[in-house]
Amino acid sequence: RMELLTNLVDYIDQNPLEIKDVIKLGIQILTALEFCHDRHLIHRDIKPQNIIISREGKVKVTDFGIAKAASSNTITSNTMGSVHYISPEQARGGYSDEKSDIYSLGVTLYEMLSGRVPFVGDSTVSVALLQIQDEATPLRELDPAIPISIENIVVKCMQKKPERRYLSAHELIVDLKQSISNPNGDFVK
């Protein structure tokens, strides 16, 4: 039988997402990323267009076209992921690793929560520069109903310096799960 699938972009358009939906989807995406990262595979193009959701709400991460083994750090301009979701280190054309996928997932979570990408410019170069230099508008400024724990999680994912982000998908899953039971907790380190 054929499975009815939609990507996250269309899914968001058709279903207004509540915080708990964002968390559940985020955990499913991260479970797939954890599987890849445990096998030293970096996706390098995490974005809503590459996240497919079945009618039953099961998440599949697709398009490993620019994925690379973690030991390989060569990046050419034609393999750069979509500019709205790329990490600052990818925008600079530098080394990318698991933490680059975490950044891109942070941007995806930001969009799921706010309905918009954090950085918009009139060219790919201007957006890339914003990824490197600018801070996103705080989520709670856009929507005060977003719990502080979720805002802090997304801020940590989107740190400019990779070592300040979550070091693994697993670490991020733990905090997302904790945000369900303790939405106003100050537990994000």
C-alpha atoms as a PDB file:
ATOM      1  CA  ARG A   1       0.000   0.000   0.000  1.00  0.00           C
ATOM      2  CA  MET A   2       1.165   3.540  -0.656  1.00  0.00           C
ATOM      3  CA  GLU A   3       1.817   5.762   2.313  1.00  0.00           C
ATOM      4  CA  LEU A   4       0.398   9.287   2.177  1.00  0.00           C
ATOM      5  CA  LEU A   5       3.235  11.650   2.948  1.00  0.00           C
ATOM      6  CA  THR A   6       3.622  15.407   3.292  1.00  0.00           C
ATOM      7  CA  ASN A   7       6.663  17.503   4.058  1.00  0.00           C
ATOM      8  CA  LEU A   8       6.914  19.635   7.178  1.00  0.00           C
ATOM      9  CA  VAL A   9       6.319  22.856   5.209  1.00  0.00           C
ATOM     10  CA  ASP A  10       2.905  21.656   4.003  1.00  0.00           C
ATOM     11  CA  TYR A  11       2.180  19.995   7.348  1.00  0.00           C
ATOM     12  CA  ILE A  12       2.695  23.317   9.177  1.00  0.00           C
ATOM     13  CA  ASP A  13       0.472  25.103   6.625  1.00  0.00           C
ATOM     14  CA  GLN A  14      -2.337  22.561   7.101  1.00  0.00           C
ATOM     15  CA  ASN A  15      -2.080  22.068  10.878  1.00  0.00           C
ATOM     16  CA  PRO A  16      -1.501  24.904  13.307  1.00  0.00           C
ATOM     17  CA  LEU A  17       1.114  23.403  15.621  1.00  0.00           C
ATOM     18  CA  GLU A  18       0.779  23.502  19.379  1.00  0.00           C
ATOM     19  CA  ILE A  19       3.910  23.499  21.531  1.00  0.00           C
ATOM     20  CA  LYS A  20       3.462  19.793  22.360  1.00  0.00           C
ATOM     21  CA  ASP A  21       3.251  18.973  18.627  1.00  0.00           C
ATOM     22  CA  VAL A  22       6.487  20.862  17.971  1.00  0.00           C
ATOM     23  CA  ILE A  23       8.201  18.972  20.803  1.00  0.00           C
ATOM     24  CA  LYS A  24       6.930  15.574  19.601  1.00  0.00           C
ATOM     25  CA  LEU A  25       8.010  16.272  16.003  1.00  0.00           C
ATOM     26  CA  GLY A  26      11.349  17.631  17.231  1.00  0.00           C
ATOM     27  CA  ILE A  27      12.036  14.482  19.242  1.00  0.00           C
ATOM     28  CA  GLN A  28      11.210  12.275  16.233  1.00  0.00           C
ATOM     29  CA  ILE A  29      13.530  14.288  13.951  1.00  0.00           C
ATOM     30  CA  LEU A  30      16.264  14.116  16.587  1.00  0.00           C
ATOM     31  CA  THR A  31      15.847  10.359  16.959  1.00  0.00           C
ATOM     32  CA  ALA A  32      16.597  10.032  13.230  1.00  0.00           C
ATOM     33  CA  LEU A  33      19.555  12.425  13.559  1.00  0.00           C
ATOM     34  CA  GLU A  34      20.888  10.512  16.562  1.00  0.00           C
ATOM     35  CA  PHE A  35      20.772   7.312  14.480  1.00  0.00           C
ATOM     36  CA  CYS A  36      22.810   9.010  11.723  1.00  0.00           C
ATOM     37  CA  HIS A  37      25.238  10.737  14.066  1.00  0.00           C
ATOM     38  CA  ASP A  38      25.916   7.468  15.920  1.00  0.00           C
ATOM     39  CA  ARG A  39      27.063   6.151  12.532  1.00  0.00           C
ATOM     40  CA  HIS A  40      29.215   9.266  11.927  1.00  0.00           C
ATOM     41  CA  LEU A  41      26.942  10.589   9.200  1.00  0.00           C
ATOM     42  CA  ILE A  42      26.161  14.311   9.133  1.00  0.00           C
ATOM     43  CA  HIS A  43      23.014  15.284   7.178  1.00  0.00           C
ATOM     44  CA  ARG A  44      24.072  18.922   6.493  1.00  0.00           C
ATOM     45  CA  ASP A  45      20.732  19.983   4.986  1.00  0.00           C
ATOM     46  CA  ILE A  46      18.146  19.748   7.762  1.00  0.00           C
ATOM     47  CA  LYS A  47      15.172  21.911   6.818  1.00  0.00           C
ATOM     48  CA  PRO A  48      11.370  21.487   6.755  1.00  0.00           C
ATOM     49  CA  GLN A  49      11.418  20.488   3.067  1.00  0.00           C
ATOM     50  CA  ASN A  50      13.561  17.448   3.989  1.00  0.00           C
ATOM     51  CA  ILE A  51      11.322  16.294   6.830  1.00  0.00           C
ATOM     52  CA  ILE A  52       8.473  14.069   5.685  1.00  0.00           C
ATOM     53  CA  ILE A  53       5.472  13.225   7.867  1.00  0.00           C
ATOM     54  CA  SER A  54       3.190  10.256   7.246  1.00  0.00           C
ATOM     55  CA  ARG A  55      -0.557  10.417   7.730  1.00  0.00           C
ATOM     56  CA  GLU A  56      -0.007   8.645  11.061  1.00  0.00           C
ATOM     57  CA  GLY A  57       2.335  11.437  12.174  1.00  0.00           C
ATOM     58  CA  LYS A  58       5.560   9.438  11.755  1.00  0.00           C
ATOM     59  CA  VAL A  59       8.590  11.535  10.820  1.00  0.00           C
ATOM     60  CA  LYS A  60      11.138  10.588   8.167  1.00  0.00           C
ATOM     61  CA  VAL A  61      14.263  12.615   7.437  1.00  0.00           C
ATOM     62  CA  THR A  62      15.022  12.594   3.701  1.00  0.00           C
ATOM     63  CA  ASP A  63      17.455  13.917   1.114  1.00  0.00           C
ATOM     64  CA  PHE A  64      20.875  12.835   2.205  1.00  0.00           C
ATOM     65  CA  GLY A  65      22.236  14.299  -1.040  1.00  0.00           C
ATOM     66  CA  ILE A  66      24.870  16.437   0.669  1.00  0.00           C
ATOM     67  CA  ALA A  67      25.377  14.247   3.722  1.00  0.00           C
ATOM     68  CA  LYS A  68      28.977  13.434   4.520  1.00  0.00           C
ATOM     69  CA  ALA A  69      30.875  11.150   6.800  1.00  0.00           C
ATOM     70  CA  ALA A  70      31.848  13.040   9.931  1.00  0.00           C
ATOM     71  CA  SER A  71      35.535  12.506   9.180  1.00  0.00           C
ATOM     72  CA  SER A  72      35.221  14.310   5.848  1.00  0.00           C
ATOM     73  CA  ASN A  73      35.323  18.068   6.205  1.00  0.00           C
ATOM     74  CA  THR A  74      35.505  19.311   2.642  1.00  0.00           C
ATOM     75  CA  ILE A  75      32.690  21.624   1.681  1.00  0.00           C
ATOM     76  CA  THR A  76      32.249  23.231  -1.684  1.00  0.00           C
ATOM     77  CA  SER A  77      29.851  26.049  -2.391  1.00  0.00           C
ATOM     78  CA  ASN A  78      27.588  23.825  -4.497  1.00  0.00           C
ATOM     79  CA  THR A  79      27.009  21.439  -1.594  1.00  0.00           C
ATOM     80  CA  MET A  80      25.892  24.108   0.860  1.00  0.00           C
ATOM     81  CA  GLY A  81      22.456  23.439   2.338  1.00  0.00           C
ATOM     82  CA  SER A  82      19.573  25.874   2.069  1.00  0.00           C
ATOM     83  CA  VAL A  83      20.801  29.210   3.293  1.00  0.00           C
ATOM     84  CA  HIS A  84      17.925  29.886   5.727  1.00  0.00           C
ATOM     85  CA  TYR A  85      18.837  26.788   7.731  1.00  0.00           C
ATOM     86  CA  ILE A  86      22.620  26.485   7.438  1.00  0.00           C
ATOM     87  CA  SER A  87      24.867  26.856  10.428  1.00  0.00           C
ATOM     88  CA  PRO A  88      27.304  29.770  10.633  1.00  0.00           C
ATOM     89  CA  GLU A  89      30.237  27.408  10.055  1.00  0.00           C
ATOM     90  CA  GLN A  90      28.596  26.059   6.871  1.00  0.00           C
ATOM     91  CA  ALA A  91      27.859  29.630   5.730  1.00  0.00           C
ATOM     92  CA  ARG A  92      31.576  30.378   6.128  1.00  0.00           C
ATOM     93  CA  GLY A  93      32.426  27.261   4.127  1.00  0.00           C
ATOM     94  CA  GLY A  94      34.142  25.662   7.088  1.00  0.00           C
ATOM     95  CA  TYR A  95      34.047  22.332   8.852  1.00  0.00           C
ATOM     96  CA  SER A  96      30.603  20.939   9.691  1.00  0.00           C
ATOM     97  CA  ASP A  97      29.713  18.204  12.167  1.00  0.00           C
ATOM     98  CA  GLU A  98      26.797  16.920  14.257  1.00  0.00           C
ATOM     99  CA  LYS A  99      26.441  20.357  15.863  1.00  0.00           C
ATOM    100  CA  SER A 100      25.783  21.860  12.416  1.00  0.00           C
ATOM    101  CA  ASP A 101      22.711  19.611  12.105  1.00  0.00           C
ATOM    102  CA  ILE A 102      21.657  20.736  15.612  1.00  0.00           C
ATOM    103  CA  TYR A 103      21.841  24.379  14.498  1.00  0.00           C
ATOM    104  CA  SER A 104      19.687  23.656  11.430  1.00  0.00           C
ATOM    105  CA  LEU A 105      17.185  21.797  13.577  1.00  0.00           C
ATOM    106  CA  GLY A 106      17.114  24.825  15.917  1.00  0.00           C
ATOM    107  CA  VAL A 107      16.178  27.036  12.952  1.00  0.00           C
ATOM    108  CA  THR A 108      13.499  24.491  11.973  1.00  0.00           C
ATOM    109  CA  LEU A 109      12.091  24.499  15.534  1.00  0.00           C
ATOM    110  CA  TYR A 110      12.169  28.318  15.487  1.00  0.00           C
ATOM    111  CA  GLU A 111      10.103  28.299  12.302  1.00  0.00           C
ATOM    112  CA  MET A 112       7.685  25.672  13.645  1.00  0.00           C
ATOM    113  CA  LEU A 113       7.110  27.813  16.742  1.00  0.00           C
ATOM    114  CA  SER A 114       6.974  31.266  15.146  1.00  0.00           C
ATOM    115  CA  GLY A 115       5.801  30.589  11.593  1.00  0.00           C
ATOM    116  CA  ARG A 116       8.863  32.303  10.130  1.00  0.00           C
ATOM    117  CA  VAL A 117      12.569  31.742   9.587  1.00  0.00           C
ATOM    118  CA  PRO A 118      14.851  33.762  11.871  1.00  0.00           C
ATOM    119  CA  PHE A 119      16.893  35.434   9.132  1.00  0.00           C
ATOM    120  CA  VAL A 120      15.561  36.950   5.908  1.00  0.00           C
ATOM    121  CA  GLY A 121      17.583  38.867   3.333  1.00  0.00           C
ATOM    122  CA  ASP A 122      17.370  39.839  -0.304  1.00  0.00           C
ATOM    123  CA  SER A 123      20.057  37.372  -1.414  1.00  0.00           C
ATOM    124  CA  THR A 124      21.607  34.091  -0.315  1.00  0.00           C
ATOM    125  CA  VAL A 125      24.776  35.996   0.598  1.00  0.00           C
ATOM    126  CA  SER A 126      22.913  38.454   2.839  1.00  0.00           C
ATOM    127  CA  VAL A 127      21.093  35.605   4.617  1.00  0.00           C
ATOM    128  CA  ALA A 128      24.381  33.719   5.048  1.00  0.00           C
ATOM    129  CA  LEU A 129      25.937  36.834   6.625  1.00  0.00           C
ATOM    130  CA  LEU A 130      22.971  37.115   9.010  1.00  0.00           C
ATOM    131  CA  GLN A 131      23.487  33.441  10.007  1.00  0.00           C
ATOM    132  CA  ILE A 132      27.095  34.299  10.850  1.00  0.00           C
ATOM    133  CA  GLN A 133      26.629  37.690  12.522  1.00  0.00           C
ATOM    134  CA  ASP A 134      23.065  38.309  13.733  1.00  0.00           C
ATOM    135  CA  GLU A 135      20.958  37.067  16.610  1.00  0.00           C
ATOM    136  CA  ALA A 136      17.396  35.947  15.912  1.00  0.00           C
ATOM    137  CA  THR A 137      14.461  37.864  17.380  1.00  0.00           C
ATOM    138  CA  PRO A 138      13.685  36.087  20.682  1.00  0.00           C
ATOM    139  CA  LEU A 139      10.791  33.647  20.244  1.00  0.00           C
ATOM    140  CA  ARG A 140       8.914  34.969  23.278  1.00  0.00           C
ATOM    141  CA  GLU A 141       8.997  38.447  21.733  1.00  0.00           C
ATOM    142  CA  LEU A 142       7.142  36.977  18.750  1.00  0.00           C
ATOM    143  CA  ASP A 143       4.812  34.852  20.909  1.00  0.00           C
ATOM    144  CA  PRO A 144       4.787  35.277  24.705  1.00  0.00           C
ATOM    145  CA  ALA A 145       2.891  31.945  25.024  1.00  0.00           C
ATOM    146  CA  ILE A 146       6.063  30.031  24.115  1.00  0.00           C
ATOM    147  CA  PRO A 147       7.457  28.537  27.336  1.00  0.00           C
ATOM    148  CA  ILE A 148      10.827  29.854  28.523  1.00  0.00           C
ATOM    149  CA  SER A 149      12.323  26.340  28.465  1.00  0.00           C
ATOM    150  CA  ILE A 150      11.505  25.970  24.744  1.00  0.00           C
ATOM    151  CA  GLU A 151      12.934  29.404  23.947  1.00  0.00           C
ATOM    152  CA  ASN A 152      16.127  28.514  25.841  1.00  0.00           C
ATOM    153  CA  ILE A 153      16.412  25.174  24.010  1.00  0.00           C
ATOM    154  CA  VAL A 154      16.123  26.882  20.599  1.00  0.00           C
ATOM    155  CA  VAL A 155      18.592  29.618  21.629  1.00  0.00           C
ATOM    156  CA  LYS A 156      21.100  26.940  22.653  1.00  0.00           C
ATOM    157  CA  CYS A 157      20.632  25.079  19.339  1.00  0.00           C
ATOM    158  CA  MET A 158      21.243  28.303  17.418  1.00  0.00           C
ATOM    159  CA  GLN A 159      24.417  29.447  19.174  1.00  0.00           C
ATOM    160  CA  LYS A 160      26.931  30.870  16.689  1.00  0.00           C
ATOM    161  CA  LYS A 161      29.802  28.912  18.228  1.00  0.00           C
ATOM    162  CA  PRO A 162      29.280  25.146  17.750  1.00  0.00           C
ATOM    163  CA  GLU A 163      30.771  24.274  21.157  1.00  0.00           C
ATOM    164  CA  ARG A 164      28.026  26.331  22.866  1.00  0.00           C
ATOM    165  CA  ARG A 165      25.239  24.256  21.240  1.00  0.00           C
ATOM    166  CA  TYR A 166      23.969  20.866  22.296  1.00  0.00           C
ATOM    167  CA  LEU A 167      26.844  18.477  21.730  1.00  0.00           C
ATOM    168  CA  SER A 168      24.553  15.613  20.699  1.00  0.00           C
ATOM    169  CA  ALA A 169      21.033  14.914  19.504  1.00  0.00           C
ATOM    170  CA  HIS A 170      20.567  12.841  22.673  1.00  0.00           C
ATOM    171  CA  GLU A 171      21.293  15.841  24.941  1.00  0.00           C
ATOM    172  CA  LEU A 172      18.690  17.857  23.048  1.00  0.00           C
ATOM    173  CA  ILE A 173      16.091  15.067  23.274  1.00  0.00           C
ATOM    174  CA  VAL A 174      16.570  14.986  27.066  1.00  0.00           C
ATOM    175  CA  ASP A 175      15.885  18.742  27.364  1.00  0.00           C
ATOM    176  CA  LEU A 176      12.869  18.612  25.016  1.00  0.00           C
ATOM    177  CA  LYS A 177      11.374  15.804  27.113  1.00  0.00           C
ATOM    178  CA  GLN A 178      12.018  17.811  30.282  1.00  0.00           C
ATOM    179  CA  SER A 179      10.300  20.857  28.746  1.00  0.00           C
ATOM    180  CA  ILE A 180       7.072  18.835  28.544  1.00  0.00           C
ATOM    181  CA  SER A 181       6.913  18.303  32.304  1.00  0.00           C
ATOM    182  CA  ASN A 182       8.664  21.549  33.292  1.00  0.00           C
ATOM    183  CA  PRO A 183       7.848  24.186  30.637  1.00  0.00           C
ATOM    184  CA  ASN A 184       8.852  27.121  32.829  1.00  0.00           C
ATOM    185  CA  GLY A 185      11.951  25.436  34.254  1.00  0.00           C
ATOM    186  CA  ASP A 186      15.383  26.993  33.980  1.00  0.00           C
ATOM    187  CA  PHE A 187      17.234  23.744  33.260  1.00  0.00           C
ATOM    188  CA  VAL A 188      18.916  24.517  29.922  1.00  0.00           C
ATOM    189  CA  LYS A 189      22.657  24.768  30.636  1.00  0.00           C
END
